[in-house]
Amino acid sequence: MAVWSYPPTPKQLAVMACCFVTGVALFAVGAHLSLANVGTQQNRVKARRNFVKDRLRKLLDD
């Protein structure tokens, strides 16, 4: 933990609190967007996996 030579002023505490809240909000928005798009990403990966499997089966069966 940091040890200060002097305590922060009320204005500095307010700025620090605003920065903290802004960081938490940005983190929450990023997490939400990541989880909101996970379904489409999973479908894309599943389609790609099926395409590769079918392609390999076709190449190996011939």
Protein backbone atom coordinates (compact mmCIF):
# COMPACT_ATOMS: atom_id res chain seq x y z
CA MET A 1 0.00 0.00 0.00
CA ALA A 2 1.25 3.45 -0.83
CA VAL A 3 2.09 5.77 2.04
CA TRP A 4 1.45 9.43 1.33
CA SER A 5 3.31 12.32 2.84
CA TYR A 6 0.02 14.21 2.98
CA PRO A 7 -3.63 13.12 2.77
CA PRO A 8 -5.46 13.66 -0.53
CA THR A 9 -7.75 16.65 -0.78
CA PRO A 10 -11.50 16.19 -1.23
CA LYS A 11 -11.16 17.21 -4.90
CA GLN A 12 -8.45 14.58 -5.45
CA LEU A 13 -10.64 11.95 -3.78
CA ALA A 14 -13.56 12.92 -6.03
CA VAL A 15 -11.39 12.70 -9.17
CA MET A 16 -10.02 9.33 -8.05
CA ALA A 17 -13.55 8.05 -7.39
CA CYS A 18 -14.72 9.25 -10.83
CA CYS A 19 -11.77 7.54 -12.53
CA PHE A 20 -12.49 4.33 -10.62
CA VAL A 21 -16.18 4.38 -11.55
CA THR A 22 -15.31 5.11 -15.19
CA GLY A 23 -12.90 2.16 -15.25
CA VAL A 24 -15.47 -0.18 -13.73
CA ALA A 25 -18.08 0.99 -16.24
CA LEU A 26 -15.74 0.42 -19.20
CA PHE A 27 -14.87 -3.03 -17.88
CA ALA A 28 -18.57 -3.89 -17.46
CA VAL A 29 -19.43 -2.70 -20.98
CA GLY A 30 -16.59 -4.77 -22.43
CA ALA A 31 -17.69 -7.86 -20.54
CA HIS A 32 -21.29 -7.36 -21.67
CA LEU A 33 -20.33 -6.96 -25.32
CA SER A 34 -18.08 -10.00 -25.13
CA LEU A 35 -20.82 -12.17 -23.66
CA ALA A 36 -23.51 -10.76 -25.97
CA ASN A 37 -21.57 -11.89 -29.06
CA VAL A 38 -20.49 -15.30 -27.79
CA GLY A 39 -23.43 -17.10 -29.44
CA THR A 40 -22.58 -15.92 -32.94
CA GLN A 41 -18.92 -16.75 -32.41
CA GLN A 42 -19.80 -20.27 -31.26
CA ASN A 43 -22.01 -20.79 -34.31
CA ARG A 44 -19.25 -19.59 -36.63
CA VAL A 45 -16.72 -21.95 -35.01
CA LYS A 46 -19.16 -24.86 -35.19
CA ALA A 47 -19.82 -24.21 -38.90
CA ARG A 48 -16.09 -23.98 -39.62
CA ARG A 49 -15.43 -27.22 -37.70
CA ASN A 50 -18.16 -29.04 -39.62
CA PHE A 51 -16.83 -27.72 -42.93
CA VAL A 52 -13.31 -28.94 -42.14
CA LYS A 53 -14.60 -32.35 -41.01
CA ASP A 54 -16.67 -32.76 -44.16
CA ARG A 55 -13.78 -31.63 -46.35
CA LEU A 56 -11.36 -34.07 -44.70
CA ARG A 57 -13.86 -36.92 -44.97
CA LYS A 58 -14.33 -36.15 -48.66
CA LEU A 59 -10.56 -36.03 -49.28
CA LEU A 60 -9.79 -39.18 -47.28
CA ASP A 61 -12.69 -41.27 -48.59
CA ASP A 62 -11.73 -40.75 -52.25
